[in-house]
């Protein structure tokens, strides 16, 4: 490749605010799901489930 061709190469990753926000939201979603699952397991094992 020549110098002119090398100068025309575009690539890489851009870390934007939107990307960071979505990664944060994903982390919060995973933590909330884990808490809910843990609470459900604790209620089932402890026998404190409300009859439906």
PDB file of N, CA and C in Angstrom:
ATOM      1  N   UNK A   1       0.833  -1.186   0.000  1.00  0.00           N
ATOM      2  CA  UNK A   1       0.000   0.000   0.000  1.00  0.00           C
ATOM      3  C   UNK A   1       0.871   1.240   0.000  1.00  0.00           C
ATOM      4  N   UNK A   2       0.367   2.210  -0.706  1.00  0.00           N
ATOM      5  CA  UNK A   2       1.086   3.473  -0.748  1.00  0.00           C
ATOM      6  C   UNK A   2       0.645   4.395   0.373  1.00  0.00           C
ATOM      7  N   UNK A   3       1.356   5.504   0.523  1.00  0.00           N
ATOM      8  CA  UNK A   3       1.052   6.453   1.585  1.00  0.00           C
ATOM      9  C   UNK A   3      -0.346   7.032   1.434  1.00  0.00           C
ATOM     10  N   UNK A   4      -0.756   7.296   0.199  1.00  0.00           N
ATOM     11  CA  UNK A   4      -2.084   7.862  -0.047  1.00  0.00           C
ATOM     12  C   UNK A   4      -3.181   6.880   0.370  1.00  0.00           C
ATOM     13  N   UNK A   5      -2.989   5.603   0.090  1.00  0.00           N
ATOM     14  CA  UNK A   5      -3.977   4.593   0.472  1.00  0.00           C
ATOM     15  C   UNK A   5      -4.044   4.439   1.981  1.00  0.00           C
ATOM     16  N   UNK A   6      -2.888   4.496   2.643  1.00  0.00           N
ATOM     17  CA  UNK A   6      -2.856   4.371   4.090  1.00  0.00           C
ATOM     18  C   UNK A   6      -3.575   5.535   4.776  1.00  0.00           C
ATOM     19  N   UNK A   7      -3.503   6.712   4.198  1.00  0.00           N
ATOM     20  CA  UNK A   7      -4.162   7.876   4.784  1.00  0.00           C
ATOM     21  C   UNK A   7      -5.684   7.795   4.655  1.00  0.00           C
ATOM     22  N   UNK A   8      -6.195   6.988   3.731  1.00  0.00           N
ATOM     23  CA  UNK A   8      -7.631   6.882   3.510  1.00  0.00           C
ATOM     24  C   UNK A   8      -8.289   5.812   4.374  1.00  0.00           C
ATOM     25  N   UNK A   9      -7.510   5.061   5.142  1.00  0.00           N
ATOM     26  CA  UNK A   9      -8.057   4.014   5.992  1.00  0.00           C
ATOM     27  C   UNK A   9      -8.766   4.648   7.180  1.00  0.00           C
ATOM     28  N   UNK A  10     -10.008   4.230   7.383  1.00  0.00           N
ATOM     29  CA  UNK A  10     -10.809   4.714   8.505  1.00  0.00           C
ATOM     30  C   UNK A  10     -11.271   3.502   9.295  1.00  0.00           C
ATOM     31  N   UNK A  11     -11.185   3.554  10.599  1.00  0.00           N
ATOM     32  CA  UNK A  11     -11.630   2.424  11.407  1.00  0.00           C
ATOM     33  C   UNK A  11     -11.443   2.701  12.879  1.00  0.00           C
ATOM     34  N   UNK A  12     -11.679   1.676  13.664  1.00  0.00           N
ATOM     35  CA  UNK A  12     -11.530   1.810  15.106  1.00  0.00           C
ATOM     36  C   UNK A  12     -12.883   1.840  15.780  1.00  0.00           C
ATOM     37  N   UNK A  13     -12.850   2.060  17.060  1.00  0.00           N
ATOM     38  CA  UNK A  13     -14.087   2.101  17.845  1.00  0.00           C
ATOM     39  C   UNK A  13     -14.182   3.454  18.527  1.00  0.00           C
ATOM     40  N   UNK A  14     -15.387   3.963  18.552  1.00  0.00           N
ATOM     41  CA  UNK A  14     -15.640   5.223  19.242  1.00  0.00           C
ATOM     42  C   UNK A  14     -16.485   4.928  20.467  1.00  0.00           C
ATOM     43  N   UNK A  15     -16.025   5.363  21.616  1.00  0.00           N
ATOM     44  CA  UNK A  15     -16.792   5.197  22.846  1.00  0.00           C
ATOM     45  C   UNK A  15     -17.602   6.475  23.023  1.00  0.00           C
ATOM     46  N   UNK A  16     -18.918   6.337  22.866  1.00  0.00           N
ATOM     47  CA  UNK A  16     -19.791   7.499  22.948  1.00  0.00           C
ATOM     48  C   UNK A  16     -20.594   7.443  24.240  1.00  0.00           C
ATOM     49  N   UNK A  17     -21.244   8.532  24.528  1.00  0.00           N
ATOM     50  CA  UNK A  17     -22.102   8.589  25.702  1.00  0.00           C
ATOM     51  C   UNK A  17     -23.241   7.594  25.626  1.00  0.00           C
ATOM     52  N   UNK A  18     -23.776   7.394  24.436  1.00  0.00           N
ATOM     53  CA  UNK A  18     -24.864   6.437  24.252  1.00  0.00           C
ATOM     54  C   UNK A  18     -24.401   5.027  24.565  1.00  0.00           C
ATOM     55  N   UNK A  19     -23.217   4.663  24.108  1.00  0.00           N
ATOM     56  CA  UNK A  19     -22.675   3.333  24.374  1.00  0.00           C
ATOM     57  C   UNK A  19     -22.470   3.128  25.870  1.00  0.00           C
ATOM     58  N   UNK A  20     -21.885   4.091  26.540  1.00  0.00           N
ATOM     59  CA  UNK A  20     -21.653   3.980  27.977  1.00  0.00           C
ATOM     60  C   UNK A  20     -22.965   3.908  28.750  1.00  0.00           C
ATOM     61  N   UNK A  21     -23.941   4.682  28.331  1.00  0.00           N
ATOM     62  CA  UNK A  21     -25.246   4.667  28.987  1.00  0.00           C
ATOM     63  C   UNK A  21     -25.906   3.299  28.859  1.00  0.00           C
ATOM     64  N   UNK A  22     -25.838   2.709  27.679  1.00  0.00           N
ATOM     65  CA  UNK A  22     -26.447   1.403  27.463  1.00  0.00           C
ATOM     66  C   UNK A  22     -25.720   0.297  28.222  1.00  0.00           C
ATOM     67  N   UNK A  23     -24.412   0.391  28.332  1.00  0.00           N
ATOM     68  CA  UNK A  23     -23.648  -0.588  29.110  1.00  0.00           C
ATOM     69  C   UNK A  23     -24.041  -0.479  30.581  1.00  0.00           C
ATOM     70  N   UNK A  24     -24.195   0.737  31.068  1.00  0.00           N
ATOM     71  CA  UNK A  24     -24.621   0.949  32.453  1.00  0.00           C
ATOM     72  C   UNK A  24     -26.019   0.371  32.687  1.00  0.00           C
ATOM     73  N   UNK A  25     -26.941   0.647  31.768  1.00  0.00           N
ATOM     74  CA  UNK A  25     -28.306   0.131  31.898  1.00  0.00           C
ATOM     75  C   UNK A  25     -28.326  -1.392  31.879  1.00  0.00           C
ATOM     76  N   UNK A  26     -27.477  -2.001  31.066  1.00  0.00           N
ATOM     77  CA  UNK A  26     -27.384  -3.460  31.026  1.00  0.00           C
ATOM     78  C   UNK A  26     -26.901  -3.996  32.370  1.00  0.00           C
ATOM     79  N   UNK A  27     -25.925  -3.348  32.953  1.00  0.00           N
ATOM     80  CA  UNK A  27     -25.417  -3.764  34.257  1.00  0.00           C
ATOM     81  C   UNK A  27     -26.486  -3.661  35.337  1.00  0.00           C
ATOM     82  N   UNK A  28     -27.244  -2.579  35.332  1.00  0.00           N
ATOM     83  CA  UNK A  28     -28.324  -2.398  36.303  1.00  0.00           C
ATOM     84  C   UNK A  28     -29.393  -3.467  36.095  1.00  0.00           C
ATOM     85  N   UNK A  29     -29.719  -3.772  34.850  1.00  0.00           N
ATOM     86  CA  UNK A  29     -30.713  -4.803  34.546  1.00  0.00           C
ATOM     87  C   UNK A  29     -30.274  -6.168  35.069  1.00  0.00           C
ATOM     88  N   UNK A  30     -29.011  -6.507  34.864  1.00  0.00           N
ATOM     89  CA  UNK A  30     -28.486  -7.795  35.341  1.00  0.00           C
ATOM     90  C   UNK A  30     -28.513  -7.852  36.869  1.00  0.00           C
ATOM     91  N   UNK A  31     -28.131  -6.770  37.535  1.00  0.00           N
ATOM     92  CA  UNK A  31     -28.153  -6.736  39.003  1.00  0.00           C
ATOM     93  C   UNK A  31     -29.573  -6.867  39.540  1.00  0.00           C
ATOM     94  N   UNK A  32     -30.525  -6.165  38.935  1.00  0.00           N
ATOM     95  CA  UNK A  32     -31.915  -6.250  39.381  1.00  0.00           C
ATOM     96  C   UNK A  32     -32.482  -7.651  39.176  1.00  0.00           C
ATOM     97  N   UNK A  33     -32.150  -8.273  38.053  1.00  0.00           N
ATOM     98  CA  UNK A  33     -32.620  -9.638  37.794  1.00  0.00           C
ATOM     99  C   UNK A  33     -32.034 -10.597  38.824  1.00  0.00           C
ATOM    100  N   UNK A  34     -30.788 -10.426  39.173  1.00  0.00           N
ATOM    101  CA  UNK A  34     -30.153 -11.268  40.184  1.00  0.00           C
ATOM    102  C   UNK A  34     -30.778 -11.093  41.553  1.00  0.00           C
ATOM    103  N   UNK A  35     -31.092  -9.847  41.910  1.00  0.00           N
ATOM    104  CA  UNK A  35     -31.746  -9.599  43.197  1.00  0.00           C
ATOM    105  C   UNK A  35     -33.128 -10.229  43.241  1.00  0.00           C
ATOM    106  N   UNK A  36     -33.888 -10.081  42.167  1.00  0.00           N
ATOM    107  CA  UNK A  36     -35.231 -10.657  42.119  1.00  0.00           C
ATOM    108  C   UNK A  36     -35.175 -12.176  42.207  1.00  0.00           C
ATOM    109  N   UNK A  37     -34.265 -12.776  41.472  1.00  0.00           N
ATOM    110  CA  UNK A  37     -34.126 -14.230  41.500  1.00  0.00           C
ATOM    111  C   UNK A  37     -33.703 -14.696  42.888  1.00  0.00           C
ATOM    112  N   UNK A  38     -32.765 -14.008  43.496  1.00  0.00           N
ATOM    113  CA  UNK A  38     -32.314 -14.364  44.833  1.00  0.00           C
ATOM    114  C   UNK A  38     -33.431 -14.240  45.863  1.00  0.00           C
ATOM    115  N   UNK A  39     -34.221 -13.185  45.765  1.00  0.00           N
ATOM    116  CA  UNK A  39     -35.342 -13.010  46.685  1.00  0.00           C
ATOM    117  C   UNK A  39     -36.375 -14.115  46.506  1.00  0.00           C
ATOM    118  N   UNK A  40     -36.662 -14.468  45.266  1.00  0.00           N
ATOM    119  CA  UNK A  40     -37.632 -15.530  44.997  1.00  0.00           C
ATOM    120  C   UNK A  40     -37.149 -16.860  45.554  1.00  0.00           C
ATOM    121  N   UNK A  41     -35.879 -17.165  45.356  1.00  0.00           N
ATOM    122  CA  UNK A  41     -35.327 -18.416  45.879  1.00  0.00           C
ATOM    123  C   UNK A  41     -35.386 -18.422  47.406  1.00  0.00           C
ATOM    124  N   UNK A  42     -35.045 -17.297  48.032  1.00  0.00           N
ATOM    125  CA  UNK A  42     -35.074 -17.210  49.495  1.00  0.00           C
ATOM    126  C   UNK A  42     -36.493 -17.381  50.033  1.00  0.00           C
ATOM    127  N   UNK A  43     -37.495 -16.794  49.360  1.00  0.00           N
ATOM    128  CA  UNK A  43     -38.879 -16.941  49.812  1.00  0.00           C
ATOM    129  C   UNK A  43     -39.364 -18.378  49.648  1.00  0.00           C
ATOM    130  N   UNK A  44     -38.976 -19.027  48.549  1.00  0.00           N
ATOM    131  CA  UNK A  44     -39.396 -20.415  48.323  1.00  0.00           C
ATOM    132  C   UNK A  44     -38.766 -21.327  49.370  1.00  0.00           C
ATOM    133  N   UNK A  45     -37.470 -21.175  49.591  1.00  0.00           N
ATOM    134  CA  UNK A  45     -36.764 -22.037  50.551  1.00  0.00           C
ATOM    135  C   UNK A  45     -37.254 -21.762  51.968  1.00  0.00           C
ATOM    136  N   UNK A  46     -37.532 -20.512  52.290  1.00  0.00           N
ATOM    137  CA  UNK A  46     -37.983 -20.150  53.629  1.00  0.00           C
ATOM    138  C   UNK A  46     -39.455 -20.433  53.877  1.00  0.00           C
ATOM    139  N   UNK A  47     -40.188 -20.771  52.821  1.00  0.00           N
ATOM    140  CA  UNK A  47     -41.608 -21.077  52.966  1.00  0.00           C
ATOM    141  C   UNK A  47     -42.477 -19.866  53.193  1.00  0.00           C
ATOM    142  N   UNK A  48     -42.031 -18.708  52.755  1.00  0.00           N
ATOM    143  CA  UNK A  48     -42.803 -17.495  52.978  1.00  0.00           C
ATOM    144  C   UNK A  48     -43.496 -16.997  51.704  1.00  0.00           C
ATOM    145  N   UNK A  49     -43.851 -17.920  50.824  1.00  0.00           N
ATOM    146  CA  UNK A  49     -44.554 -17.546  49.595  1.00  0.00           C
ATOM    147  C   UNK A  49     -46.043 -17.366  49.905  1.00  0.00           C
ATOM    148  N   UNK A  50     -46.648 -16.373  49.339  1.00  0.00           N
ATOM    149  CA  UNK A  50     -48.077 -16.155  49.510  1.00  0.00           C
ATOM    150  C   UNK A  50     -48.842 -17.096  48.585  1.00  0.00           C
ATOM    151  N   UNK A  51     -49.886 -17.759  49.081  1.00  0.00           N
ATOM    152  CA  UNK A  51     -50.675 -18.627  48.197  1.00  0.00           C
ATOM    153  C   UNK A  51     -51.461 -17.764  47.201  1.00  0.00           C
ATOM    154  N   UNK A  52     -51.506 -18.202  45.991  1.00  0.00           N
ATOM    155  CA  UNK A  52     -52.208 -17.429  44.949  1.00  0.00           C
ATOM    156  C   UNK A  52     -53.572 -18.043  44.720  1.00  0.00           C
TER     157      UNK A  52
END
